[in-house]
Amino acid sequence: MLILVSTQALNRGYQVDIEALRCFIAVVETGSYTQAAEQMHRSQSAVSQKMYKLTEQTDKTLFVKSGRLLELTEDGKLLLGYARHIISLHDDALRQMRDSKQIIRPLQLGCPDDYAHVILPKIITNIRECVPNLPIHIHCHNSIKLRDMLSAGMLDTAIVSRSSAKEAGRFLQKDQGVWAFDGNTESLKQSYLSKASVPLILFDESCHFHHAAIQGLSQINIASQVVCSANSVGAIASLVLSGQGVTVVAQSSMGQMTPLTDDNNPLPFRLPQLPEVIIEMVIAANAHPNFGRAQLANVCEIYLMS
């Protein structure tokens, strides 16, 4: 299918292939031709050809090199808005032309375990509002694994932590990293004094907060020991609440744990500041027949208004 792009392109008679726009979006979201090719299940040369043709047709430079990644130019940013809108309209038109009651298959949705308690229920409610009767299968892994699964075609969409400053999906919310413990200040103080180190219970090393906790303490010359690591917020919370150590989690994942702040900190030093995380929802290059970019945008907009 061919679609005209922008008034200027229309006047020149330029036409752009839908698949070229999909490749363009994939390059933007992954930052490289190689990863875009994996996500699109195409060869790198095929993606390169699509991008060369797109650049030739628009007569604009769309990307510039920034280290190993590709960054959008101002013209590229302009085209990206049109591309996402065109793809959404295209996918939505095809979906509407099908029998809306016919559900092809379950939606494969990824979500990190620590977002499953607060964010996931709201997202599921919004999806069911936008696409009634759509079965949903949930995969709980860390954000890195979920992005790999998206690229491999194993997921249709996923809730993830943003991996860099570059926007790759639809914004959901910001969340702040916080220190947490069981609330027993005397026990924590004695544990630190007896071992001369902070006992840590953290998500595995793929988690940004894992490194933030260790490096933050190291920078103020405080020793720490990772007592346990896990990829389940339930496991981490149960260990923390049993007095095994302190952790770092997103504020929305606190549950019954107690924030460890300057006001209740029994340790002989001030705990380092923790980073915030941006949570977004991303979609596969080849969207689910009943859940495309238009539905994703609708779900995220409802979430932001709730």
Protein backbone atom coordinates (compact mmCIF):
# COMPACT_ATOMS: atom_id res chain seq x y z
CA MET A 1 0.00 0.00 0.00
CA LEU A 2 1.26 3.49 -0.88
CA ILE A 3 0.42 6.63 1.08
CA LEU A 4 1.18 10.28 0.31
CA VAL A 5 3.26 12.04 2.96
CA SER A 6 2.83 15.77 3.77
CA THR A 7 1.56 18.59 1.56
CA GLN A 8 5.05 19.32 0.24
CA ALA A 9 5.56 15.67 -0.67
CA LEU A 10 2.12 15.63 -2.28
CA ASN A 11 3.00 18.60 -4.47
CA ARG A 12 6.15 16.82 -5.59
CA GLY A 13 4.30 13.57 -6.19
CA TYR A 14 6.27 11.63 -3.59
CA GLN A 15 4.79 8.40 -2.26
CA VAL A 16 6.00 6.36 0.68
CA ASP A 17 5.57 2.65 1.28
CA ILE A 18 3.83 1.70 4.55
CA GLU A 19 6.61 -0.81 5.25
CA ALA A 20 9.20 1.96 4.82
CA LEU A 21 7.40 3.93 7.52
CA ARG A 22 7.32 0.84 9.76
CA CYS A 23 11.06 0.42 9.24
CA PHE A 24 11.60 4.12 9.97
CA ILE A 25 9.70 3.85 13.26
CA ALA A 26 11.63 0.68 14.18
CA VAL A 27 14.96 2.45 13.54
CA VAL A 28 13.83 5.38 15.72
CA GLU A 29 12.72 3.10 18.56
CA THR A 30 15.82 0.86 18.53
CA GLY A 31 18.45 3.42 17.53
CA SER A 32 20.11 1.22 14.91
CA TYR A 33 19.49 -0.53 11.60
CA THR A 34 20.66 -3.86 13.05
CA GLN A 35 18.14 -3.93 15.90
CA ALA A 36 15.41 -2.52 13.67
CA ALA A 37 16.03 -5.37 11.22
CA GLU A 38 15.67 -7.91 14.05
CA GLN A 39 12.44 -6.29 15.21
CA MET A 40 11.04 -6.20 11.66
CA HIS A 41 12.27 -9.74 10.86
CA ARG A 42 14.09 -8.38 7.81
CA SER A 43 17.71 -8.26 6.71
CA GLN A 44 19.78 -5.22 7.66
CA SER A 45 20.29 -4.45 3.97
CA ALA A 46 16.51 -4.44 3.40
CA VAL A 47 16.04 -1.91 6.21
CA SER A 48 18.94 0.19 4.87
CA GLN A 49 17.35 0.21 1.41
CA LYS A 50 14.01 1.33 2.86
CA MET A 51 15.71 4.16 4.75
CA TYR A 52 17.74 5.23 1.70
CA LYS A 53 14.60 5.32 -0.41
CA LEU A 54 12.70 7.24 2.29
CA THR A 55 15.50 9.82 2.52
CA GLU A 56 15.56 10.13 -1.26
CA GLN A 57 11.78 10.55 -1.51
CA THR A 58 11.55 13.19 1.23
CA ASP A 59 14.77 14.90 0.09
CA LYS A 60 15.64 15.35 3.78
CA THR A 61 18.30 14.07 6.17
CA LEU A 62 16.33 12.05 8.73
CA PHE A 63 19.12 10.75 11.02
CA VAL A 64 22.53 11.79 12.29
CA LYS A 65 25.06 9.52 14.02
CA SER A 66 25.47 9.91 17.78
CA GLY A 67 28.06 7.38 18.91
CA ARG A 68 26.66 3.99 18.02
CA LEU A 69 23.09 5.25 17.89
CA LEU A 70 21.12 7.16 15.30
CA GLU A 71 19.49 10.40 16.40
CA LEU A 72 16.59 12.10 14.63
CA THR A 73 17.07 15.42 12.88
CA GLU A 74 14.32 18.05 13.11
CA ASP A 75 12.99 16.84 9.74
CA GLY A 76 13.10 13.28 11.08
CA LYS A 77 11.08 14.29 14.13
CA LEU A 78 8.50 15.91 11.88
CA LEU A 79 8.23 12.78 9.74
CA LEU A 80 8.01 10.57 12.84
CA GLY A 81 4.79 12.26 13.93
CA TYR A 82 3.25 11.74 10.51
CA ALA A 83 4.56 8.16 10.29
CA ARG A 84 3.04 7.11 13.61
CA HIS A 85 -0.25 8.73 12.69
CA ILE A 86 -0.32 7.10 9.24
CA ILE A 87 0.53 3.65 10.64
CA SER A 88 -2.16 4.03 13.32
CA LEU A 89 -4.76 4.98 10.71
CA HIS A 90 -3.64 2.18 8.40
CA ASP A 91 -3.76 -0.52 11.09
CA ASP A 92 -7.01 0.80 12.53
CA ALA A 93 -8.65 0.85 9.09
CA LEU A 94 -7.70 -2.77 8.46
CA ARG A 95 -8.89 -3.77 11.92
CA GLN A 96 -12.23 -2.02 11.44
CA MET A 97 -12.69 -3.72 8.07
CA ARG A 98 -12.42 -7.09 9.76
CA ASP A 99 -15.22 -8.44 11.87
CA SER A 100 -14.68 -6.57 15.12
CA LYS A 101 -16.05 -9.53 17.06
CA GLN A 102 -13.47 -11.88 15.61
CA ILE A 103 -10.52 -12.16 17.98
CA ILE A 104 -7.56 -13.64 16.12
CA ARG A 105 -5.49 -14.65 19.17
CA PRO A 106 -4.69 -13.49 22.72
CA LEU A 107 -2.71 -10.28 23.18
CA GLN A 108 0.80 -11.10 24.42
CA LEU A 109 1.53 -8.41 27.02
CA GLY A 110 4.81 -8.02 28.92
CA CYS A 111 5.17 -6.34 32.32
CA PRO A 112 7.98 -6.25 34.92
CA ASP A 113 6.97 -7.90 38.16
CA ASP A 114 7.38 -4.68 40.16
CA TYR A 115 4.81 -2.89 37.99
CA ALA A 116 2.31 -5.75 38.15
CA HIS A 117 0.66 -4.64 41.40
CA VAL A 118 -0.17 -1.01 40.64
CA ILE A 119 0.26 -0.22 36.92
CA LEU A 120 -0.77 -3.49 35.26
CA PRO A 121 -4.37 -3.66 36.60
CA LYS A 122 -5.11 -0.18 35.28
CA ILE A 123 -3.62 -1.01 31.87
CA ILE A 124 -5.62 -4.24 31.64
CA THR A 125 -8.82 -2.35 32.51
CA ASN A 126 -8.06 0.21 29.79
CA ILE A 127 -7.30 -2.47 27.19
CA ARG A 128 -10.55 -4.26 27.94
CA GLU A 129 -12.40 -0.95 27.60
CA CYS A 130 -10.81 -0.26 24.22
CA VAL A 131 -10.96 -3.82 22.85
CA PRO A 132 -13.71 -5.81 24.63
CA ASN A 133 -13.43 -9.62 24.63
CA LEU A 134 -9.71 -9.56 23.80
CA PRO A 135 -7.95 -12.35 25.77
CA ILE A 136 -4.65 -11.23 27.33
CA HIS A 137 -1.65 -13.37 28.22
CA ILE A 138 0.81 -11.67 30.59
CA HIS A 139 4.58 -12.29 30.64
CA CYS A 140 6.47 -11.02 33.70
CA HIS A 141 10.17 -10.35 33.08
CA ASN A 142 12.56 -7.43 33.49
CA SER A 143 12.46 -4.61 30.94
CA ILE A 144 15.56 -5.79 29.03
CA LYS A 145 14.09 -9.27 28.54
CA LEU A 146 10.73 -7.82 27.50
CA ARG A 147 12.36 -5.61 24.85
CA ASP A 148 14.19 -8.66 23.48
CA MET A 149 10.90 -10.56 23.36
CA LEU A 150 9.27 -7.68 21.48
CA SER A 151 12.08 -7.69 18.91
CA ALA A 152 11.77 -11.46 18.54
CA GLY A 153 8.03 -11.22 17.87
CA MET A 154 7.13 -13.04 21.10
CA LEU A 155 5.20 -10.06 22.52
CA ASP A 156 2.67 -7.67 21.03
CA THR A 157 3.19 -4.89 23.58
CA ALA A 158 4.94 -4.32 26.91
CA ILE A 159 5.14 -2.01 29.90
CA VAL A 160 8.83 -1.21 30.44
CA SER A 161 11.26 1.17 32.07
CA ARG A 162 12.73 3.56 29.51
CA SER A 163 16.24 2.36 28.71
CA SER A 164 17.68 5.77 27.74
CA ALA A 165 16.75 9.41 27.41
CA LYS A 166 15.24 8.61 24.02
CA GLU A 167 11.48 8.13 23.85
CA ALA A 168 10.66 4.69 22.43
CA GLY A 169 7.02 4.24 23.41
CA ARG A 170 4.02 5.93 24.97
CA PHE A 171 4.68 7.65 28.30
CA LEU A 172 2.77 6.28 31.30
CA GLN A 173 4.37 7.84 34.38
CA LYS A 174 7.52 8.75 36.25
CA ASP A 175 8.44 6.87 39.41
CA GLN A 176 11.06 7.60 42.04
CA GLY A 177 13.51 5.07 43.46
CA VAL A 178 13.25 4.79 47.26
CA TRP A 179 15.08 2.96 50.02
CA ALA A 180 12.82 0.59 51.98
CA PHE A 181 13.06 -1.67 55.04
CA ASP A 182 10.85 -3.45 57.57
CA GLY A 183 10.46 -0.40 59.83
CA ASN A 184 12.61 -1.81 62.67
CA THR A 185 15.20 0.93 63.07
CA GLU A 186 17.02 -0.64 66.03
CA SER A 187 17.47 -3.98 64.23
CA LEU A 188 18.82 -2.26 61.11
CA LYS A 189 21.25 -0.18 63.18
CA GLN A 190 22.59 -3.24 65.02
CA SER A 191 22.89 -5.22 61.79
CA TYR A 192 24.99 -2.47 60.21
CA LEU A 193 27.21 -1.99 63.27
CA SER A 194 27.87 -5.73 63.65
CA LYS A 195 28.77 -6.29 59.98
CA ALA A 196 30.10 -2.82 59.11
CA SER A 197 28.13 -3.00 55.85
CA VAL A 198 24.60 -2.41 54.60
CA PRO A 199 22.72 -5.66 53.86
CA LEU A 200 21.00 -5.27 50.49
CA ILE A 201 18.13 -7.21 48.95
CA LEU A 202 17.84 -6.10 45.33
CA PHE A 203 16.39 -6.88 41.95
CA ASP A 204 18.88 -8.66 39.69
CA GLU A 205 21.65 -6.79 37.89
CA SER A 206 19.46 -5.89 34.91
CA CYS A 207 17.60 -3.45 37.19
CA HIS A 208 18.78 0.17 37.18
CA PHE A 209 18.13 0.41 40.92
CA HIS A 210 20.51 -2.52 41.60
CA HIS A 211 23.52 -0.53 40.41
CA ALA A 212 22.21 2.77 41.80
CA ALA A 213 22.11 1.31 45.34
CA ILE A 214 25.59 -0.23 45.25
CA GLN A 215 27.29 2.65 43.45
CA GLY A 216 25.52 5.25 45.57
CA LEU A 217 26.82 3.70 48.79
CA SER A 218 30.28 3.16 47.31
CA GLN A 219 30.54 6.83 46.36
CA ILE A 220 30.10 7.84 50.01
CA ASN A 221 32.58 5.12 51.10
CA ILE A 222 29.97 2.88 52.71
CA ALA A 223 30.40 -0.87 52.39
CA SER A 224 27.44 -2.98 51.28
CA GLN A 225 26.66 -6.64 50.72
CA VAL A 226 24.02 -8.03 48.37
CA VAL A 227 22.44 -10.63 50.64
CA CYS A 228 19.89 -11.74 48.04
CA SER A 229 18.80 -10.75 44.56
CA ALA A 230 15.57 -11.68 42.81
CA ASN A 231 13.38 -10.68 39.88
CA SER A 232 10.18 -10.81 41.95
CA VAL A 233 9.01 -7.86 44.03
CA GLY A 234 7.02 -10.31 46.16
CA ALA A 235 10.16 -12.25 47.05
CA ILE A 236 12.09 -9.05 47.77
CA ALA A 237 9.31 -7.66 49.97
CA SER A 238 8.98 -10.88 51.98
CA LEU A 239 12.73 -10.92 52.69
CA VAL A 240 12.81 -7.24 53.61
CA LEU A 241 9.78 -7.56 55.88
CA SER A 242 11.42 -10.50 57.65
CA GLY A 243 14.35 -8.22 58.57
CA GLN A 244 16.91 -9.63 56.13
CA GLY A 245 18.04 -6.23 54.84
CA VAL A 246 17.08 -3.06 52.96
CA THR A 247 16.11 -2.65 49.33
CA VAL A 248 15.62 -0.10 46.59
CA VAL A 249 12.34 -0.16 44.67
CA ALA A 250 10.15 2.20 42.70
CA GLN A 251 7.85 4.13 45.03
CA SER A 252 4.76 2.55 43.44
CA SER A 253 6.13 -0.92 44.33
CA MET A 254 6.57 -0.17 48.05
CA GLY A 255 3.65 -2.29 49.24
CA GLN A 256 3.86 -2.93 53.00
CA MET A 257 7.55 -2.03 53.22
CA THR A 258 8.51 1.17 55.07
CA PRO A 259 10.33 4.02 53.30
CA LEU A 260 13.80 4.55 54.78
CA THR A 261 14.17 8.33 54.81
CA ASP A 262 16.29 10.96 56.54
CA ASP A 263 13.59 11.18 59.23
CA ASN A 264 13.74 7.52 60.33
CA ASN A 265 17.25 6.51 59.22
CA PRO A 266 19.15 4.93 62.17
CA LEU A 267 22.38 4.51 60.18
CA PRO A 268 25.35 6.82 60.94
CA PHE A 269 25.28 8.33 57.44
CA ARG A 270 22.81 9.83 55.03
CA LEU A 271 21.59 7.46 52.34
CA PRO A 272 22.38 8.52 48.76
CA GLN A 273 19.73 10.01 46.50
CA LEU A 274 18.20 7.56 44.03
CA PRO A 275 17.26 8.16 40.38
CA GLU A 276 13.78 8.30 38.96
CA VAL A 277 12.54 5.96 36.25
CA ILE A 278 10.27 6.69 33.29
CA ILE A 279 7.70 3.99 32.60
CA GLU A 280 6.34 3.64 29.07
CA MET A 281 4.33 1.23 26.95
CA VAL A 282 5.87 0.00 23.71
CA ILE A 283 4.40 -1.97 20.84
CA ALA A 284 5.86 -4.48 18.38
CA ALA A 285 6.60 -3.37 14.82
CA ASN A 286 3.99 -5.81 13.53
CA ALA A 287 1.10 -5.02 15.83
CA HIS A 288 -1.59 -7.43 17.01
CA PRO A 289 -4.55 -7.40 14.57
CA ASN A 290 -6.91 -6.21 17.32
CA PHE A 291 -4.45 -3.96 19.17
CA GLY A 292 -2.49 -1.53 17.03
CA ARG A 293 -0.88 1.85 17.63
CA ALA A 294 -4.23 3.64 17.76
CA GLN A 295 -5.43 1.34 20.58
CA LEU A 296 -2.08 1.71 22.39
CA ALA A 297 -2.38 5.51 22.26
CA ASN A 298 -5.95 5.33 23.56
CA VAL A 299 -4.99 3.01 26.44
CA CYS A 300 -2.12 5.28 27.51
CA GLU A 301 -4.22 8.44 27.26
CA ILE A 302 -6.87 6.89 29.50
CA TYR A 303 -4.13 5.89 31.96
CA LEU A 304 -2.76 9.45 32.11
CA MET A 305 -6.24 10.85 32.78
CA SER A 306 -7.01 8.36 35.58
